[in-house]
Amino acid sequence: LGQTFLDPGLHPQRHTGKPLSPTEVDILRRLARGDTVSEIAQRTMRSVSTISTHKKNAMVKIGLNSDAELIALGVMN
C-alpha cells in the first residue's frame, strides 16, 4: 500500500540503490499520470527548475535515461 514498484531488472547496472524521496515519488507519479513538469510546478507551487531537478534525480536513482523509459516503466502505486 502506497509503495512504488519498479522492475529491479530494468537497468540493474545503473540503479543507484538510493531510495526515492517522497517528493521524487510524487513527481514521478504525476508524470506517469500525464502531468507535465510545468503543470506539476504550478500545482505544487514550485519552480519548473525545481521539479525538473527532482525528476532528473529520481530518474538517475532508478536507472532511467529518458522520458520514454519513464513512460515505459509505468511508475505505479
N, C-alpha and C. Protein backbone atom coordinates (compact mmCIF):
# COMPACT_ATOMS: atom_id res chain seq x y z
N LEU A 1 0.84 -1.18 0.00
CA LEU A 1 0.00 0.00 0.00
C LEU A 1 0.88 1.23 0.00
N GLY A 2 0.71 2.10 -0.97
CA GLY A 2 1.45 3.35 -1.03
C GLY A 2 2.91 3.20 -1.41
N GLN A 3 3.29 2.05 -1.94
CA GLN A 3 4.68 1.85 -2.33
C GLN A 3 4.82 2.03 -3.83
N THR A 4 6.04 2.28 -4.26
CA THR A 4 6.33 2.37 -5.68
C THR A 4 7.03 1.09 -6.08
N PHE A 5 6.51 0.42 -7.09
CA PHE A 5 7.10 -0.81 -7.56
C PHE A 5 7.80 -0.56 -8.87
N LEU A 6 9.06 -0.91 -8.91
CA LEU A 6 9.87 -0.74 -10.11
C LEU A 6 10.48 -2.08 -10.44
N ASP A 7 10.61 -2.37 -11.70
CA ASP A 7 11.21 -3.61 -12.14
C ASP A 7 12.70 -3.58 -11.81
N PRO A 8 13.15 -4.40 -10.86
CA PRO A 8 14.57 -4.36 -10.47
C PRO A 8 15.49 -4.82 -11.59
N GLY A 9 14.96 -5.50 -12.58
CA GLY A 9 15.79 -5.96 -13.67
C GLY A 9 15.90 -4.99 -14.82
N LEU A 10 15.24 -3.85 -14.72
CA LEU A 10 15.22 -2.90 -15.83
C LEU A 10 16.62 -2.47 -16.23
N HIS A 11 17.35 -1.89 -15.31
CA HIS A 11 18.72 -1.45 -15.57
C HIS A 11 19.53 -1.63 -14.28
N PRO A 12 19.79 -2.86 -13.87
CA PRO A 12 20.47 -3.06 -12.59
C PRO A 12 21.83 -2.41 -12.52
N GLN A 13 22.51 -2.29 -13.64
CA GLN A 13 23.83 -1.69 -13.63
C GLN A 13 23.77 -0.18 -13.39
N ARG A 14 22.61 0.44 -13.63
CA ARG A 14 22.50 1.88 -13.48
C ARG A 14 21.75 2.28 -12.22
N HIS A 15 21.08 1.35 -11.57
CA HIS A 15 20.30 1.67 -10.38
C HIS A 15 21.26 2.01 -9.25
N THR A 16 21.03 3.15 -8.59
CA THR A 16 21.95 3.60 -7.54
C THR A 16 21.70 2.93 -6.21
N GLY A 17 20.53 2.34 -6.02
CA GLY A 17 20.20 1.74 -4.74
C GLY A 17 19.72 2.74 -3.71
N LYS A 18 19.74 4.02 -4.06
CA LYS A 18 19.27 5.04 -3.13
C LYS A 18 17.75 5.13 -3.22
N PRO A 19 17.08 5.24 -2.07
CA PRO A 19 15.62 5.34 -2.11
C PRO A 19 15.16 6.69 -2.65
N LEU A 20 14.00 6.67 -3.29
CA LEU A 20 13.40 7.91 -3.76
C LEU A 20 12.84 8.67 -2.58
N SER A 21 12.96 9.99 -2.62
CA SER A 21 12.35 10.82 -1.59
C SER A 21 10.84 10.87 -1.84
N PRO A 22 10.06 11.22 -0.83
CA PRO A 22 8.62 11.36 -1.04
C PRO A 22 8.29 12.35 -2.17
N THR A 23 9.06 13.41 -2.28
CA THR A 23 8.83 14.39 -3.35
C THR A 23 9.11 13.78 -4.71
N GLU A 24 10.18 13.03 -4.83
CA GLU A 24 10.51 12.38 -6.10
C GLU A 24 9.43 11.38 -6.50
N VAL A 25 8.94 10.61 -5.53
CA VAL A 25 7.86 9.66 -5.81
C VAL A 25 6.63 10.39 -6.30
N ASP A 26 6.28 11.48 -5.63
CA ASP A 26 5.10 12.26 -6.02
C ASP A 26 5.24 12.79 -7.45
N ILE A 27 6.40 13.33 -7.76
CA ILE A 27 6.62 13.89 -9.10
C ILE A 27 6.56 12.79 -10.16
N LEU A 28 7.18 11.65 -9.91
CA LEU A 28 7.14 10.57 -10.89
C LEU A 28 5.72 10.04 -11.07
N ARG A 29 4.97 9.97 -10.00
CA ARG A 29 3.56 9.54 -10.12
C ARG A 29 2.76 10.52 -10.97
N ARG A 30 2.98 11.80 -10.74
CA ARG A 30 2.26 12.82 -11.52
C ARG A 30 2.65 12.75 -12.99
N LEU A 31 3.94 12.55 -13.25
CA LEU A 31 4.39 12.42 -14.64
C LEU A 31 3.79 11.17 -15.28
N ALA A 32 3.73 10.08 -14.53
CA ALA A 32 3.16 8.84 -15.05
C ALA A 32 1.68 9.00 -15.37
N ARG A 33 1.01 9.89 -14.64
CA ARG A 33 -0.41 10.17 -14.89
C ARG A 33 -0.60 11.06 -16.12
N GLY A 34 0.49 11.65 -16.59
CA GLY A 34 0.41 12.50 -17.76
C GLY A 34 0.57 13.98 -17.50
N ASP A 35 0.80 14.37 -16.25
CA ASP A 35 1.04 15.78 -15.95
C ASP A 35 2.38 16.21 -16.53
N THR A 36 2.47 17.46 -16.96
CA THR A 36 3.74 18.00 -17.45
C THR A 36 4.52 18.59 -16.28
N VAL A 37 5.80 18.83 -16.50
CA VAL A 37 6.63 19.46 -15.48
C VAL A 37 6.05 20.82 -15.10
N SER A 38 5.60 21.58 -16.09
CA SER A 38 5.01 22.90 -15.82
C SER A 38 3.74 22.78 -14.98
N GLU A 39 2.90 21.81 -15.29
CA GLU A 39 1.67 21.61 -14.50
C GLU A 39 1.98 21.22 -13.07
N ILE A 40 2.96 20.35 -12.90
CA ILE A 40 3.35 19.93 -11.55
C ILE A 40 3.89 21.12 -10.78
N ALA A 41 4.72 21.92 -11.43
CA ALA A 41 5.27 23.12 -10.77
C ALA A 41 4.16 24.04 -10.31
N GLN A 42 3.21 24.28 -11.18
CA GLN A 42 2.11 25.18 -10.84
C GLN A 42 1.27 24.61 -9.69
N ARG A 43 0.95 23.34 -9.75
CA ARG A 43 0.09 22.71 -8.74
C ARG A 43 0.77 22.56 -7.38
N THR A 44 2.09 22.43 -7.38
CA THR A 44 2.82 22.27 -6.12
C THR A 44 3.47 23.56 -5.64
N MET A 45 3.25 24.63 -6.42
CA MET A 45 3.81 25.95 -6.09
C MET A 45 5.33 25.92 -5.97
N ARG A 46 5.96 25.22 -6.92
CA ARG A 46 7.41 25.16 -7.02
C ARG A 46 7.79 25.62 -8.42
N SER A 47 9.06 25.90 -8.61
CA SER A 47 9.50 26.34 -9.93
C SER A 47 9.65 25.14 -10.87
N VAL A 48 9.59 25.42 -12.15
CA VAL A 48 9.81 24.39 -13.17
C VAL A 48 11.20 23.79 -12.98
N SER A 49 12.17 24.62 -12.67
CA SER A 49 13.53 24.15 -12.46
C SER A 49 13.62 23.16 -11.30
N THR A 50 12.92 23.44 -10.22
CA THR A 50 12.92 22.55 -9.05
C THR A 50 12.31 21.20 -9.41
N ILE A 51 11.18 21.23 -10.11
CA ILE A 51 10.52 19.98 -10.50
C ILE A 51 11.42 19.19 -11.45
N SER A 52 12.04 19.88 -12.39
CA SER A 52 12.94 19.21 -13.33
C SER A 52 14.11 18.56 -12.61
N THR A 53 14.64 19.24 -11.60
CA THR A 53 15.76 18.68 -10.83
C THR A 53 15.32 17.44 -10.07
N HIS A 54 14.16 17.48 -9.42
CA HIS A 54 13.65 16.31 -8.71
C HIS A 54 13.43 15.14 -9.68
N LYS A 55 12.89 15.44 -10.84
CA LYS A 55 12.65 14.42 -11.86
C LYS A 55 13.96 13.78 -12.29
N LYS A 56 14.94 14.61 -12.60
CA LYS A 56 16.25 14.12 -13.04
C LYS A 56 16.89 13.25 -11.97
N ASN A 57 16.88 13.72 -10.72
CA ASN A 57 17.48 12.97 -9.62
C ASN A 57 16.79 11.62 -9.43
N ALA A 58 15.46 11.60 -9.52
CA ALA A 58 14.71 10.36 -9.36
C ALA A 58 15.05 9.38 -10.48
N MET A 59 15.13 9.89 -11.69
CA MET A 59 15.43 9.03 -12.83
C MET A 59 16.82 8.43 -12.71
N VAL A 60 17.78 9.20 -12.22
CA VAL A 60 19.13 8.67 -12.00
C VAL A 60 19.08 7.56 -10.96
N LYS A 61 18.36 7.79 -9.87
CA LYS A 61 18.28 6.80 -8.80
C LYS A 61 17.71 5.47 -9.27
N ILE A 62 16.76 5.51 -10.19
CA ILE A 62 16.14 4.26 -10.64
C ILE A 62 16.69 3.78 -11.99
N GLY A 63 17.70 4.47 -12.49
CA GLY A 63 18.42 4.00 -13.66
C GLY A 63 17.76 4.27 -15.00
N LEU A 64 17.04 5.38 -15.10
CA LEU A 64 16.40 5.74 -16.36
C LEU A 64 17.16 6.86 -17.05
N ASN A 65 17.20 6.80 -18.38
CA ASN A 65 17.92 7.81 -19.16
C ASN A 65 17.02 8.74 -19.95
N SER A 66 15.74 8.40 -20.07
CA SER A 66 14.87 9.21 -20.92
C SER A 66 13.44 9.20 -20.43
N ASP A 67 12.68 10.17 -20.91
CA ASP A 67 11.25 10.21 -20.60
C ASP A 67 10.55 8.97 -21.15
N ALA A 68 11.01 8.49 -22.29
CA ALA A 68 10.41 7.29 -22.88
C ALA A 68 10.57 6.09 -21.94
N GLU A 69 11.73 5.97 -21.31
CA GLU A 69 11.94 4.89 -20.35
C GLU A 69 11.02 5.06 -19.14
N LEU A 70 10.84 6.30 -18.71
CA LEU A 70 9.95 6.56 -17.58
C LEU A 70 8.52 6.14 -17.92
N ILE A 71 8.07 6.51 -19.10
CA ILE A 71 6.72 6.15 -19.52
C ILE A 71 6.60 4.63 -19.65
N ALA A 72 7.60 3.99 -20.23
CA ALA A 72 7.57 2.54 -20.40
C ALA A 72 7.55 1.82 -19.06
N LEU A 73 8.25 2.36 -18.10
CA LEU A 73 8.31 1.74 -16.78
C LEU A 73 6.95 1.78 -16.09
N GLY A 74 6.23 2.87 -16.30
CA GLY A 74 4.90 2.97 -15.71
C GLY A 74 4.95 2.96 -14.20
N VAL A 75 5.53 3.97 -13.60
CA VAL A 75 5.61 4.06 -12.14
C VAL A 75 4.21 3.86 -11.58
N MET A 76 4.08 2.91 -10.64
CA MET A 76 2.77 2.54 -10.10
C MET A 76 2.75 2.66 -8.58
N ASN A 77 1.54 2.75 -8.03
CA ASN A 77 1.38 2.72 -6.56
C ASN A 77 1.57 1.32 -6.08
